[in-house]
Amino acid sequence: MKIAIACGLSDHKLSSILKPLSALGFIDGISLIRHKKLDFPGIVSLVPPVIIRSILPLREVCRCAVLFYLCLAKKVDYLVGIHFRMHCVYVGVLGCVFNLPYCMMIIEDPKKYHGSAIFRYFVQKADKVSVRGEISKQYLINQCKADTNKIFVLPDVIDLNGNITGEKEYDFIFIGNMVQEKRPDVLIDIFDALKKKGLSFKAAILGQGPLANQVQKKINTCALESHVEFLGHQDNVFDYLKRSKYLLMTSQTEGLPVVILESYSCGVPVIVPDIADISDVVQDGQTGFVVERLDFDQYCAVCEKALKDDSVYETLAKGVCDFRIKNSQRYTQQEVTDIWQGALNKS
């Protein structure tokens, strides 16, 4: 089987997806249609010319043309799109035109497309649809009237048996892109409220993006420099996680962010919003706190509790260790490869 994958994503996230997929013995080749090349064994990256990569409309036209050619020349047997907009749309359209089976990897919250007839149509026509958790799976079955047998939950590949030792330097750590969906403005407001209550804490913010300058400006405006370190992009987030007590997320929309499992791999409890599939892996009061989406007062109350009561951290850290032991095999490369094997063998 020859596969073409349309996607974006960071190199790190994409490599994590490709490792178990490329390990399937019946796959003869994978063509990657992306905005930039990925150095990965056995993968052929087909990218737009450098001169048009920064011009979004031309770049996307070029990528669609490459996909169209692969289908027309019968150089692929199966299409995969990662993220509905626009990669699953691309493979859905071409899959229908050329009568090729396609898999939609919905890594975001499918509720973003609630009421969309186009989304429902492509889900129903797809050969397979992978989602991040059971909540998303049930949503597609109930709201999109999708065939139960075509929807499968695809976990991340991550080692939960790593070393969790490390001197705690930060009370909270935020890891994510500086974009509106992550709501870094709410994050800074929470830290500002904690400071005004006279609480002592230290926080680290890791990430970059279009809102980075605004975030730094707000840290300065709120006089949070002694409490918050804005560290930008860091290649080794695990080093910072091991030095932190809690992962803090303030997103207004997510799928099931891998950073939660990365935190668990370092023994770190989480404070996260109750959105999408997050509650599949976060047990409120056991491995962290699950907060109502964008509920500022609840966030502040939970963070204050975490700062004032050390026994809370000890209880949650133990819960994370229990989670690691119970789920040590679920997130291995072999386990995820077996899930792909079962899904594509039924194609």
C-alpha atoms as a PDB file:
ATOM      1  CA  MET A   1       0.000   0.000   0.000  1.00  0.00           C
ATOM      2  CA  LYS A   2       1.276   3.450  -0.957  1.00  0.00           C
ATOM      3  CA  ILE A   3       0.033   6.318   1.201  1.00  0.00           C
ATOM      4  CA  ALA A   4      -0.058  10.076   0.682  1.00  0.00           C
ATOM      5  CA  ILE A   5      -0.393  12.242   3.801  1.00  0.00           C
ATOM      6  CA  ALA A   6      -1.497  15.882   3.727  1.00  0.00           C
ATOM      7  CA  CYS A   7      -0.577  17.675   6.933  1.00  0.00           C
ATOM      8  CA  GLY A   8       1.038  20.547   8.759  1.00  0.00           C
ATOM      9  CA  LEU A   9       2.167  20.126  12.397  1.00  0.00           C
ATOM     10  CA  SER A  10       5.566  20.601  13.982  1.00  0.00           C
ATOM     11  CA  ASP A  11       8.367  18.172  13.137  1.00  0.00           C
ATOM     12  CA  HIS A  12       8.171  16.691  16.640  1.00  0.00           C
ATOM     13  CA  LYS A  13       4.423  16.021  16.558  1.00  0.00           C
ATOM     14  CA  LEU A  14       4.463  14.719  13.003  1.00  0.00           C
ATOM     15  CA  SER A  15       7.364  12.350  13.687  1.00  0.00           C
ATOM     16  CA  SER A  16       5.430  10.930  16.635  1.00  0.00           C
ATOM     17  CA  ILE A  17       2.512  10.120  14.304  1.00  0.00           C
ATOM     18  CA  LEU A  18       4.689   8.699  11.523  1.00  0.00           C
ATOM     19  CA  LYS A  19       6.736   6.294  13.642  1.00  0.00           C
ATOM     20  CA  PRO A  20       3.988   3.729  14.314  1.00  0.00           C
ATOM     21  CA  LEU A  21       2.415   4.198  10.870  1.00  0.00           C
ATOM     22  CA  SER A  22       5.678   3.661   8.993  1.00  0.00           C
ATOM     23  CA  ALA A  23       6.319   0.477  10.999  1.00  0.00           C
ATOM     24  CA  LEU A  24       3.435  -1.314   9.235  1.00  0.00           C
ATOM     25  CA  GLY A  25       4.828  -4.064   7.044  1.00  0.00           C
ATOM     26  CA  PHE A  26       2.236  -3.719   4.272  1.00  0.00           C
ATOM     27  CA  ILE A  27       3.023  -0.046   3.560  1.00  0.00           C
ATOM     28  CA  ASP A  28       5.318   0.271   0.550  1.00  0.00           C
ATOM     29  CA  GLY A  29       5.868   4.007   0.743  1.00  0.00           C
ATOM     30  CA  ILE A  30       4.645   7.251   2.312  1.00  0.00           C
ATOM     31  CA  SER A  31       4.543  10.570   0.464  1.00  0.00           C
ATOM     32  CA  LEU A  32       4.306  13.609   2.712  1.00  0.00           C
ATOM     33  CA  ILE A  33       2.587  16.676   1.261  1.00  0.00           C
ATOM     34  CA  ARG A  34       3.596  19.452   3.624  1.00  0.00           C
ATOM     35  CA  HIS A  35       4.779  23.060   3.648  1.00  0.00           C
ATOM     36  CA  LYS A  36       8.332  22.032   4.539  1.00  0.00           C
ATOM     37  CA  LYS A  37      10.542  18.966   4.336  1.00  0.00           C
ATOM     38  CA  LEU A  38      10.708  16.444   7.151  1.00  0.00           C
ATOM     39  CA  ASP A  39      13.820  14.302   7.523  1.00  0.00           C
ATOM     40  CA  PHE A  40      12.337  10.928   8.394  1.00  0.00           C
ATOM     41  CA  PRO A  41      13.498   7.454   7.260  1.00  0.00           C
ATOM     42  CA  GLY A  42      11.444   6.037   4.396  1.00  0.00           C
ATOM     43  CA  ILE A  43       9.358   9.194   3.920  1.00  0.00           C
ATOM     44  CA  VAL A  44       9.320  11.194   0.692  1.00  0.00           C
ATOM     45  CA  SER A  45       8.605  14.876   1.385  1.00  0.00           C
ATOM     46  CA  LEU A  46       6.895  16.726  -1.460  1.00  0.00           C
ATOM     47  CA  VAL A  47       7.033  20.429  -0.670  1.00  0.00           C
ATOM     48  CA  PRO A  48       6.252  23.611  -2.639  1.00  0.00           C
ATOM     49  CA  PRO A  49       9.167  25.562  -4.149  1.00  0.00           C
ATOM     50  CA  VAL A  50      10.864  27.923  -1.690  1.00  0.00           C
ATOM     51  CA  ILE A  51       9.777  30.980  -3.661  1.00  0.00           C
ATOM     52  CA  ILE A  52       6.065  30.402  -2.942  1.00  0.00           C
ATOM     53  CA  ARG A  53       6.120  28.818   0.539  1.00  0.00           C
ATOM     54  CA  SER A  54       5.499  32.152   2.244  1.00  0.00           C
ATOM     55  CA  ILE A  55       2.538  32.964  -0.041  1.00  0.00           C
ATOM     56  CA  LEU A  56      -0.274  30.942   1.544  1.00  0.00           C
ATOM     57  CA  PRO A  57      -2.735  30.728  -1.413  1.00  0.00           C
ATOM     58  CA  LEU A  58      -0.019  29.694  -3.884  1.00  0.00           C
ATOM     59  CA  ARG A  59       1.470  27.237  -1.418  1.00  0.00           C
ATOM     60  CA  GLU A  60      -1.876  25.499  -0.905  1.00  0.00           C
ATOM     61  CA  VAL A  61      -2.631  25.403  -4.638  1.00  0.00           C
ATOM     62  CA  CYS A  62       0.744  23.769  -5.172  1.00  0.00           C
ATOM     63  CA  ARG A  63       0.128  21.151  -2.488  1.00  0.00           C
ATOM     64  CA  CYS A  64      -3.304  20.339  -3.933  1.00  0.00           C
ATOM     65  CA  ALA A  65      -1.769  20.019  -7.393  1.00  0.00           C
ATOM     66  CA  VAL A  66       0.812  17.545  -6.075  1.00  0.00           C
ATOM     67  CA  LEU A  67      -1.915  15.469  -4.414  1.00  0.00           C
ATOM     68  CA  PHE A  68      -4.001  15.608  -7.586  1.00  0.00           C
ATOM     69  CA  TYR A  69      -1.071  14.348  -9.677  1.00  0.00           C
ATOM     70  CA  LEU A  70      -0.347  11.461  -7.284  1.00  0.00           C
ATOM     71  CA  CYS A  71      -3.979  10.362  -7.509  1.00  0.00           C
ATOM     72  CA  LEU A  72      -4.234  10.854 -11.273  1.00  0.00           C
ATOM     73  CA  ALA A  73      -1.008   8.953 -11.948  1.00  0.00           C
ATOM     74  CA  LYS A  74      -2.143   6.168  -9.604  1.00  0.00           C
ATOM     75  CA  LYS A  75       0.956   6.543  -7.476  1.00  0.00           C
ATOM     76  CA  VAL A  76      -1.019   6.226  -4.224  1.00  0.00           C
ATOM     77  CA  ASP A  77      -3.560   3.714  -2.928  1.00  0.00           C
ATOM     78  CA  TYR A  78      -4.651   5.504   0.230  1.00  0.00           C
ATOM     79  CA  LEU A  79      -4.968   9.108   1.406  1.00  0.00           C
ATOM     80  CA  VAL A  80      -4.553  10.501   4.917  1.00  0.00           C
ATOM     81  CA  GLY A  81      -5.331  14.018   6.095  1.00  0.00           C
ATOM     82  CA  ILE A  82      -4.250  15.310   9.505  1.00  0.00           C
ATOM     83  CA  HIS A  83      -6.555  18.071  10.835  1.00  0.00           C
ATOM     84  CA  PHE A  84      -9.852  18.769   9.100  1.00  0.00           C
ATOM     85  CA  ARG A  85      -9.030  22.249   7.849  1.00  0.00           C
ATOM     86  CA  MET A  86      -7.800  21.951   5.260  1.00  0.00           C
ATOM     87  CA  HIS A  87      -5.935  18.666   4.994  1.00  0.00           C
ATOM     88  CA  CYS A  88      -8.888  16.332   5.507  1.00  0.00           C
ATOM     89  CA  VAL A  89     -10.846  18.442   3.030  1.00  0.00           C
ATOM     90  CA  TYR A  90      -8.095  17.980   0.437  1.00  0.00           C
ATOM     91  CA  VAL A  91      -7.982  14.192   0.798  1.00  0.00           C
ATOM     92  CA  GLY A  92     -11.769  13.970   1.077  1.00  0.00           C
ATOM     93  CA  VAL A  93     -12.331  15.789  -2.212  1.00  0.00           C
ATOM     94  CA  LEU A  94      -9.657  13.827  -4.065  1.00  0.00           C
ATOM     95  CA  GLY A  95     -10.737  10.571  -2.486  1.00  0.00           C
ATOM     96  CA  CYS A  96     -14.270  11.090  -3.803  1.00  0.00           C
ATOM     97  CA  VAL A  97     -13.074  12.243  -7.249  1.00  0.00           C
ATOM     98  CA  PHE A  98     -10.658   9.349  -7.781  1.00  0.00           C
ATOM     99  CA  ASN A  99     -12.587   6.772  -5.756  1.00  0.00           C
ATOM    100  CA  LEU A 100      -9.698   6.312  -3.343  1.00  0.00           C
ATOM    101  CA  PRO A 101     -10.145   5.373   0.327  1.00  0.00           C
ATOM    102  CA  TYR A 102      -9.092   8.069   2.768  1.00  0.00           C
ATOM    103  CA  CYS A 103      -8.548   8.443   6.501  1.00  0.00           C
ATOM    104  CA  MET A 104      -9.335  11.639   8.369  1.00  0.00           C
ATOM    105  CA  MET A 105      -7.195  12.204  11.447  1.00  0.00           C
ATOM    106  CA  ILE A 106      -9.227  14.607  13.579  1.00  0.00           C
ATOM    107  CA  ILE A 107      -6.658  15.802  16.094  1.00  0.00           C
ATOM    108  CA  GLU A 108      -8.725  18.838  17.101  1.00  0.00           C
ATOM    109  CA  ASP A 109     -12.093  18.993  18.872  1.00  0.00           C
ATOM    110  CA  PRO A 110     -14.723  17.895  16.307  1.00  0.00           C
ATOM    111  CA  LYS A 111     -17.279  20.111  18.033  1.00  0.00           C
ATOM    112  CA  LYS A 112     -15.568  23.021  16.259  1.00  0.00           C
ATOM    113  CA  TYR A 113     -17.462  21.904  13.163  1.00  0.00           C
ATOM    114  CA  HIS A 114     -20.832  21.361  14.815  1.00  0.00           C
ATOM    115  CA  GLY A 115     -23.575  21.831  12.261  1.00  0.00           C
ATOM    116  CA  SER A 116     -21.200  21.745   9.295  1.00  0.00           C
ATOM    117  CA  ALA A 117     -22.731  19.709   6.483  1.00  0.00           C
ATOM    118  CA  ILE A 118     -19.324  19.508   4.756  1.00  0.00           C
ATOM    119  CA  PHE A 119     -17.663  18.045   7.831  1.00  0.00           C
ATOM    120  CA  ARG A 120     -20.464  15.505   8.284  1.00  0.00           C
ATOM    121  CA  TYR A 121     -20.323  14.534   4.596  1.00  0.00           C
ATOM    122  CA  PHE A 122     -16.585  13.838   4.578  1.00  0.00           C
ATOM    123  CA  VAL A 123     -16.779  11.897   7.864  1.00  0.00           C
ATOM    124  CA  GLN A 124     -19.522   9.690   6.430  1.00  0.00           C
ATOM    125  CA  LYS A 125     -17.630   9.120   3.173  1.00  0.00           C
ATOM    126  CA  ALA A 126     -14.281   8.406   4.844  1.00  0.00           C
ATOM    127  CA  ASP A 127     -12.878   4.892   5.004  1.00  0.00           C
ATOM    128  CA  LYS A 128     -11.564   5.541   8.516  1.00  0.00           C
ATOM    129  CA  VAL A 129     -11.587   8.428  10.997  1.00  0.00           C
ATOM    130  CA  SER A 130      -9.156   8.612  13.898  1.00  0.00           C
ATOM    131  CA  VAL A 131      -9.928  10.767  16.922  1.00  0.00           C
ATOM    132  CA  ARG A 132      -8.123  11.672  20.116  1.00  0.00           C
ATOM    133  CA  GLY A 133     -10.490  10.067  22.618  1.00  0.00           C
ATOM    134  CA  GLU A 134     -13.790   8.377  23.400  1.00  0.00           C
ATOM    135  CA  ILE A 135     -15.694  11.653  23.773  1.00  0.00           C
ATOM    136  CA  SER A 136     -14.856  12.667  20.206  1.00  0.00           C
ATOM    137  CA  LYS A 137     -15.682   9.174  18.962  1.00  0.00           C
ATOM    138  CA  GLN A 138     -19.149   9.282  20.472  1.00  0.00           C
ATOM    139  CA  TYR A 139     -19.688  12.791  19.125  1.00  0.00           C
ATOM    140  CA  LEU A 140     -19.006  11.649  15.548  1.00  0.00           C
ATOM    141  CA  ILE A 141     -21.235   8.608  15.946  1.00  0.00           C
ATOM    142  CA  ASN A 142     -24.126  10.599  17.426  1.00  0.00           C
ATOM    143  CA  GLN A 143     -23.880  13.926  15.599  1.00  0.00           C
ATOM    144  CA  CYS A 144     -22.445  12.872  12.229  1.00  0.00           C
ATOM    145  CA  LYS A 145     -24.217   9.509  12.086  1.00  0.00           C
ATOM    146  CA  ALA A 146     -20.857   7.905  11.353  1.00  0.00           C
ATOM    147  CA  ASP A 147     -20.419   4.150  11.178  1.00  0.00           C
ATOM    148  CA  THR A 148     -19.090   2.961  14.540  1.00  0.00           C
ATOM    149  CA  ASN A 149     -16.642   0.575  12.869  1.00  0.00           C
ATOM    150  CA  LYS A 150     -14.827   3.313  10.958  1.00  0.00           C
ATOM    151  CA  ILE A 151     -14.044   5.499  14.003  1.00  0.00           C
ATOM    152  CA  PHE A 152     -11.005   4.595  16.097  1.00  0.00           C
ATOM    153  CA  VAL A 153      -9.151   6.240  18.963  1.00  0.00           C
ATOM    154  CA  LEU A 154      -5.467   6.778  18.235  1.00  0.00           C
ATOM    155  CA  PRO A 155      -3.272   7.499  21.274  1.00  0.00           C
ATOM    156  CA  ASP A 156       0.011   9.378  21.219  1.00  0.00           C
ATOM    157  CA  VAL A 157       3.308   7.543  21.398  1.00  0.00           C
ATOM    158  CA  ILE A 158       5.080   8.488  24.588  1.00  0.00           C
ATOM    159  CA  ASP A 159       7.276   6.773  27.154  1.00  0.00           C
ATOM    160  CA  LEU A 160       5.585   6.888  30.546  1.00  0.00           C
ATOM    161  CA  ASN A 161       8.448   5.048  32.226  1.00  0.00           C
ATOM    162  CA  GLY A 162      10.975   7.866  32.137  1.00  0.00           C
ATOM    163  CA  ASN A 163      12.921   9.459  34.965  1.00  0.00           C
ATOM    164  CA  ILE A 164      10.766  11.833  37.029  1.00  0.00           C
ATOM    165  CA  THR A 165      13.378  13.157  39.438  1.00  0.00           C
ATOM    166  CA  GLY A 166      14.183  16.846  39.421  1.00  0.00           C
ATOM    167  CA  GLU A 167      14.453  19.802  41.761  1.00  0.00           C
ATOM    168  CA  LYS A 168      11.218  21.808  41.648  1.00  0.00           C
ATOM    169  CA  GLU A 169      11.931  25.344  40.481  1.00  0.00           C
ATOM    170  CA  TYR A 170       8.519  26.345  39.113  1.00  0.00           C
ATOM    171  CA  ASP A 171       5.080  26.049  40.691  1.00  0.00           C
ATOM    172  CA  PHE A 172       3.380  26.262  37.285  1.00  0.00           C
ATOM    173  CA  ILE A 173       4.463  25.699  33.715  1.00  0.00           C
ATOM    174  CA  PHE A 174       2.600  26.591  30.535  1.00  0.00           C
ATOM    175  CA  ILE A 175       3.682  24.958  27.261  1.00  0.00           C
ATOM    176  CA  GLY A 176       1.998  25.940  24.021  1.00  0.00           C
ATOM    177  CA  ASN A 177       1.886  28.196  21.011  1.00  0.00           C
ATOM    178  CA  MET A 178       1.217  31.869  21.639  1.00  0.00           C
ATOM    179  CA  VAL A 179      -2.102  31.893  19.749  1.00  0.00           C
ATOM    180  CA  GLN A 180      -5.639  32.958  20.636  1.00  0.00           C
ATOM    181  CA  GLU A 181      -6.905  29.381  21.066  1.00  0.00           C
ATOM    182  CA  LYS A 182      -4.428  28.812  23.927  1.00  0.00           C
ATOM    183  CA  ARG A 183      -5.638  31.979  25.708  1.00  0.00           C
ATOM    184  CA  PRO A 184      -2.304  33.133  27.146  1.00  0.00           C
ATOM    185  CA  ASP A 185      -4.098  36.348  28.169  1.00  0.00           C
ATOM    186  CA  VAL A 186      -6.171  34.357  30.681  1.00  0.00           C
ATOM    187  CA  LEU A 187      -2.978  32.718  31.928  1.00  0.00           C
ATOM    188  CA  ILE A 188      -1.391  36.082  32.726  1.00  0.00           C
ATOM    189  CA  ASP A 189      -4.611  37.308  34.355  1.00  0.00           C
ATOM    190  CA  ILE A 190      -4.504  34.274  36.669  1.00  0.00           C
ATOM    191  CA  PHE A 191      -0.898  34.983  37.646  1.00  0.00           C
ATOM    192  CA  ASP A 192      -1.770  38.643  38.213  1.00  0.00           C
ATOM    193  CA  ALA A 193      -4.653  37.656  40.511  1.00  0.00           C
ATOM    194  CA  LEU A 194      -2.408  35.303  42.496  1.00  0.00           C
ATOM    195  CA  LYS A 195       0.177  38.051  42.910  1.00  0.00           C
ATOM    196  CA  LYS A 196      -2.452  40.524  44.119  1.00  0.00           C
ATOM    197  CA  LYS A 197      -3.488  38.007  46.778  1.00  0.00           C
ATOM    198  CA  GLY A 198       0.068  38.099  48.079  1.00  0.00           C
ATOM    199  CA  LEU A 199       0.848  34.511  47.105  1.00  0.00           C
ATOM    200  CA  SER A 200       4.448  33.515  46.426  1.00  0.00           C
ATOM    201  CA  PHE A 201       4.953  31.526  43.245  1.00  0.00           C
ATOM    202  CA  LYS A 202       7.181  31.020  40.231  1.00  0.00           C
ATOM    203  CA  ALA A 203       5.920  30.189  36.734  1.00  0.00           C
ATOM    204  CA  ALA A 204       7.503  29.355  33.385  1.00  0.00           C
ATOM    205  CA  ILE A 205       5.932  29.984  29.978  1.00  0.00           C
ATOM    206  CA  LEU A 206       7.308  28.021  27.020  1.00  0.00           C
ATOM    207  CA  GLY A 207       6.207  28.717  23.473  1.00  0.00           C
ATOM    208  CA  GLN A 208       6.283  31.124  20.596  1.00  0.00           C
ATOM    209  CA  GLY A 209       3.805  32.521  18.106  1.00  0.00           C
ATOM    210  CA  PRO A 210       2.014  35.650  16.915  1.00  0.00           C
ATOM    211  CA  LEU A 211       0.921  36.703  20.425  1.00  0.00           C
ATOM    212  CA  ALA A 212       4.375  36.372  21.998  1.00  0.00           C
ATOM    213  CA  ASN A 213       5.070  40.122  22.090  1.00  0.00           C
ATOM    214  CA  GLN A 214       1.649  40.832  23.585  1.00  0.00           C
ATOM    215  CA  VAL A 215       2.229  38.221  26.287  1.00  0.00           C
ATOM    216  CA  GLN A 216       5.605  39.703  27.235  1.00  0.00           C
ATOM    217  CA  LYS A 217       4.101  43.192  27.270  1.00  0.00           C
ATOM    218  CA  LYS A 218       1.297  42.057  29.573  1.00  0.00           C
ATOM    219  CA  ILE A 219       3.800  40.402  31.929  1.00  0.00           C
ATOM    220  CA  ASN A 220       5.632  43.725  32.146  1.00  0.00           C
ATOM    221  CA  THR A 221       2.432  45.775  32.530  1.00  0.00           C
ATOM    222  CA  CYS A 222       1.292  43.577  35.419  1.00  0.00           C
ATOM    223  CA  ALA A 223       4.772  43.742  36.979  1.00  0.00           C
ATOM    224  CA  LEU A 224       5.054  39.958  36.988  1.00  0.00           C
ATOM    225  CA  GLU A 225       8.719  39.754  36.011  1.00  0.00           C
ATOM    226  CA  SER A 226       9.735  38.354  39.403  1.00  0.00           C
ATOM    227  CA  HIS A 227       7.018  35.689  39.211  1.00  0.00           C
ATOM    228  CA  VAL A 228       6.901  34.673  35.535  1.00  0.00           C
ATOM    229  CA  GLU A 229       9.693  33.671  33.148  1.00  0.00           C
ATOM    230  CA  PHE A 230       8.736  33.861  29.478  1.00  0.00           C
ATOM    231  CA  LEU A 231      11.247  31.475  27.933  1.00  0.00           C
ATOM    232  CA  GLY A 232       9.978  31.281  24.350  1.00  0.00           C
ATOM    233  CA  HIS A 233      10.530  28.119  22.327  1.00  0.00           C
ATOM    234  CA  GLN A 234      12.551  25.389  24.025  1.00  0.00           C
ATOM    235  CA  ASP A 235      13.592  22.165  22.305  1.00  0.00           C
ATOM    236  CA  ASN A 236      13.702  20.123  25.510  1.00  0.00           C
ATOM    237  CA  VAL A 237      10.418  20.734  27.319  1.00  0.00           C
ATOM    238  CA  PHE A 238      10.998  17.680  29.518  1.00  0.00           C
ATOM    239  CA  ASP A 239      13.859  19.414  31.300  1.00  0.00           C
ATOM    240  CA  TYR A 240      11.478  22.198  32.343  1.00  0.00           C
ATOM    241  CA  LEU A 241       8.611  19.831  33.161  1.00  0.00           C
ATOM    242  CA  LYS A 242      10.774  17.909  35.611  1.00  0.00           C
ATOM    243  CA  ARG A 243      11.504  21.191  37.379  1.00  0.00           C
ATOM    244  CA  SER A 244       7.802  22.084  37.685  1.00  0.00           C
ATOM    245  CA  LYS A 245       5.014  21.115  40.056  1.00  0.00           C
ATOM    246  CA  TYR A 246       1.959  21.661  37.836  1.00  0.00           C
ATOM    247  CA  LEU A 247       1.217  21.987  34.138  1.00  0.00           C
ATOM    248  CA  LEU A 248      -1.300  24.810  33.688  1.00  0.00           C
ATOM    249  CA  MET A 249      -3.435  25.026  30.523  1.00  0.00           C
ATOM    250  CA  THR A 250      -5.978  27.758  29.741  1.00  0.00           C
ATOM    251  CA  SER A 251      -7.038  26.771  26.203  1.00  0.00           C
ATOM    252  CA  GLN A 252     -10.513  27.541  24.923  1.00  0.00           C
ATOM    253  CA  THR A 253     -10.344  24.645  22.434  1.00  0.00           C
ATOM    254  CA  GLU A 254      -8.124  21.567  22.135  1.00  0.00           C
ATOM    255  CA  GLY A 255      -8.184  17.960  21.014  1.00  0.00           C
ATOM    256  CA  LEU A 256      -6.155  15.958  23.499  1.00  0.00           C
ATOM    257  CA  PRO A 257      -2.832  17.806  23.779  1.00  0.00           C
ATOM    258  CA  VAL A 258       0.191  15.537  24.028  1.00  0.00           C
ATOM    259  CA  VAL A 259       1.710  17.902  26.603  1.00  0.00           C
ATOM    260  CA  ILE A 260      -0.590  16.339  29.230  1.00  0.00           C
ATOM    261  CA  LEU A 261       0.996  12.935  28.701  1.00  0.00           C
ATOM    262  CA  GLU A 262       4.420  14.541  28.495  1.00  0.00           C
ATOM    263  CA  SER A 263       3.711  16.017  31.925  1.00  0.00           C
ATOM    264  CA  TYR A 264       2.659  12.640  33.262  1.00  0.00           C
ATOM    265  CA  SER A 265       5.869  11.131  31.880  1.00  0.00           C
ATOM    266  CA  CYS A 266       7.710  13.559  34.179  1.00  0.00           C
ATOM    267  CA  GLY A 267       5.408  12.873  37.144  1.00  0.00           C
ATOM    268  CA  VAL A 268       3.743  16.293  36.886  1.00  0.00           C
ATOM    269  CA  PRO A 269       0.019  16.785  37.738  1.00  0.00           C
ATOM    270  CA  VAL A 270      -2.051  19.115  35.563  1.00  0.00           C
ATOM    271  CA  ILE A 271      -4.594  21.931  35.818  1.00  0.00           C
ATOM    272  CA  VAL A 272      -6.597  21.800  32.595  1.00  0.00           C
ATOM    273  CA  PRO A 273      -9.922  22.888  31.052  1.00  0.00           C
ATOM    274  CA  ASP A 274     -12.805  20.448  30.633  1.00  0.00           C
ATOM    275  CA  ILE A 275     -12.860  20.406  26.832  1.00  0.00           C
ATOM    276  CA  ALA A 276     -12.775  17.778  24.082  1.00  0.00           C
ATOM    277  CA  ASP A 277     -11.103  14.511  25.188  1.00  0.00           C
ATOM    278  CA  ILE A 278      -9.021  15.855  28.068  1.00  0.00           C
ATOM    279  CA  SER A 279     -11.143  14.107  30.699  1.00  0.00           C
ATOM    280  CA  ASP A 280     -10.215  10.788  29.045  1.00  0.00           C
ATOM    281  CA  VAL A 281      -6.778  11.053  30.651  1.00  0.00           C
ATOM    282  CA  VAL A 282      -7.219  13.541  33.510  1.00  0.00           C
ATOM    283  CA  GLN A 283      -9.143  12.381  36.562  1.00  0.00           C
ATOM    284  CA  ASP A 284     -10.236  15.429  38.546  1.00  0.00           C
ATOM    285  CA  GLY A 285      -8.730  15.292  42.028  1.00  0.00           C
ATOM    286  CA  GLN A 286      -6.594  12.260  41.160  1.00  0.00           C
ATOM    287  CA  THR A 287      -4.074  13.259  38.474  1.00  0.00           C
ATOM    288  CA  GLY A 288      -4.900  16.948  38.405  1.00  0.00           C
ATOM    289  CA  PHE A 289      -7.723  19.465  38.408  1.00  0.00           C
ATOM    290  CA  VAL A 290     -10.288  19.774  35.619  1.00  0.00           C
ATOM    291  CA  VAL A 291     -11.654  23.314  35.404  1.00  0.00           C
ATOM    292  CA  GLU A 292     -14.666  24.629  33.523  1.00  0.00           C
ATOM    293  CA  ARG A 293     -13.612  26.154  30.205  1.00  0.00           C
ATOM    294  CA  LEU A 294     -12.328  29.728  30.705  1.00  0.00           C
ATOM    295  CA  ASP A 295     -13.727  29.882  34.256  1.00  0.00           C
ATOM    296  CA  PHE A 296     -11.320  32.486  35.626  1.00  0.00           C
ATOM    297  CA  ASP A 297     -12.525  32.291  39.249  1.00  0.00           C
ATOM    298  CA  GLN A 298     -12.263  28.510  39.328  1.00  0.00           C
ATOM    299  CA  TYR A 299      -8.763  28.624  37.858  1.00  0.00           C
ATOM    300  CA  CYS A 300      -7.681  31.104  40.530  1.00  0.00           C
ATOM    301  CA  ALA A 301      -9.238  29.045  43.327  1.00  0.00           C
ATOM    302  CA  VAL A 302      -7.568  25.830  42.161  1.00  0.00           C
ATOM    303  CA  CYS A 303      -4.158  27.487  41.710  1.00  0.00           C
ATOM    304  CA  GLU A 304      -4.425  29.117  45.132  1.00  0.00           C
ATOM    305  CA  LYS A 305      -5.255  25.730  46.673  1.00  0.00           C
ATOM    306  CA  ALA A 306      -2.281  24.167  44.900  1.00  0.00           C
ATOM    307  CA  LEU A 307       0.052  26.846  46.260  1.00  0.00           C
ATOM    308  CA  LYS A 308      -1.209  26.798  49.843  1.00  0.00           C
ATOM    309  CA  ASP A 309      -1.505  23.050  50.479  1.00  0.00           C
ATOM    310  CA  ASP A 310       1.519  20.842  49.777  1.00  0.00           C
ATOM    311  CA  SER A 311      -0.522  17.720  50.504  1.00  0.00           C
ATOM    312  CA  VAL A 312      -2.595  18.451  47.381  1.00  0.00           C
ATOM    313  CA  TYR A 313       0.509  18.185  45.236  1.00  0.00           C
ATOM    314  CA  GLU A 314       1.605  14.985  46.966  1.00  0.00           C
ATOM    315  CA  THR A 315      -1.802  13.362  46.405  1.00  0.00           C
ATOM    316  CA  LEU A 316      -1.955  14.331  42.740  1.00  0.00           C
ATOM    317  CA  ALA A 317       1.659  13.354  42.073  1.00  0.00           C
ATOM    318  CA  LYS A 318       0.908   9.902  43.475  1.00  0.00           C
ATOM    319  CA  GLY A 319      -2.137   9.714  41.203  1.00  0.00           C
ATOM    320  CA  VAL A 320       0.051  10.528  38.207  1.00  0.00           C
ATOM    321  CA  CYS A 321       2.485   7.768  39.186  1.00  0.00           C
ATOM    322  CA  ASP A 322      -0.437   5.320  39.421  1.00  0.00           C
ATOM    323  CA  PHE A 323      -1.596   6.430  35.958  1.00  0.00           C
ATOM    324  CA  ARG A 324       1.906   5.838  34.561  1.00  0.00           C
ATOM    325  CA  ILE A 325       1.997   2.298  35.958  1.00  0.00           C
ATOM    326  CA  LYS A 326      -1.526   1.419  34.769  1.00  0.00           C
ATOM    327  CA  ASN A 327      -1.060   2.819  31.252  1.00  0.00           C
ATOM    328  CA  SER A 328       2.597   2.056  30.599  1.00  0.00           C
ATOM    329  CA  GLN A 329       1.779  -0.114  27.557  1.00  0.00           C
ATOM    330  CA  ARG A 330      -1.099   1.906  26.087  1.00  0.00           C
ATOM    331  CA  TYR A 331       1.128   4.645  24.657  1.00  0.00           C
ATOM    332  CA  THR A 332       3.975   2.535  23.294  1.00  0.00           C
ATOM    333  CA  GLN A 333       4.869   2.593  19.602  1.00  0.00           C
ATOM    334  CA  GLN A 334       3.959  -1.083  19.268  1.00  0.00           C
ATOM    335  CA  GLU A 335       0.500  -0.525  20.752  1.00  0.00           C
ATOM    336  CA  VAL A 336      -0.234   2.375  18.383  1.00  0.00           C
ATOM    337  CA  THR A 337       1.153   0.401  15.427  1.00  0.00           C
ATOM    338  CA  ASP A 338      -1.235  -2.433  16.309  1.00  0.00           C
ATOM    339  CA  ILE A 339      -4.148   0.031  16.324  1.00  0.00           C
ATOM    340  CA  TRP A 340      -3.174   1.238  12.842  1.00  0.00           C
ATOM    341  CA  GLN A 341      -2.808  -2.381  11.729  1.00  0.00           C
ATOM    342  CA  GLY A 342      -6.325  -3.198  12.886  1.00  0.00           C
ATOM    343  CA  ALA A 343      -7.816  -0.093  11.302  1.00  0.00           C
ATOM    344  CA  LEU A 344      -6.161  -0.343   7.882  1.00  0.00           C
ATOM    345  CA  ASN A 345      -6.482  -4.117   7.604  1.00  0.00           C
ATOM    346  CA  LYS A 346     -10.245  -3.592   7.691  1.00  0.00           C
ATOM    347  CA  SER A 347     -10.021  -1.163   4.758  1.00  0.00           C
END
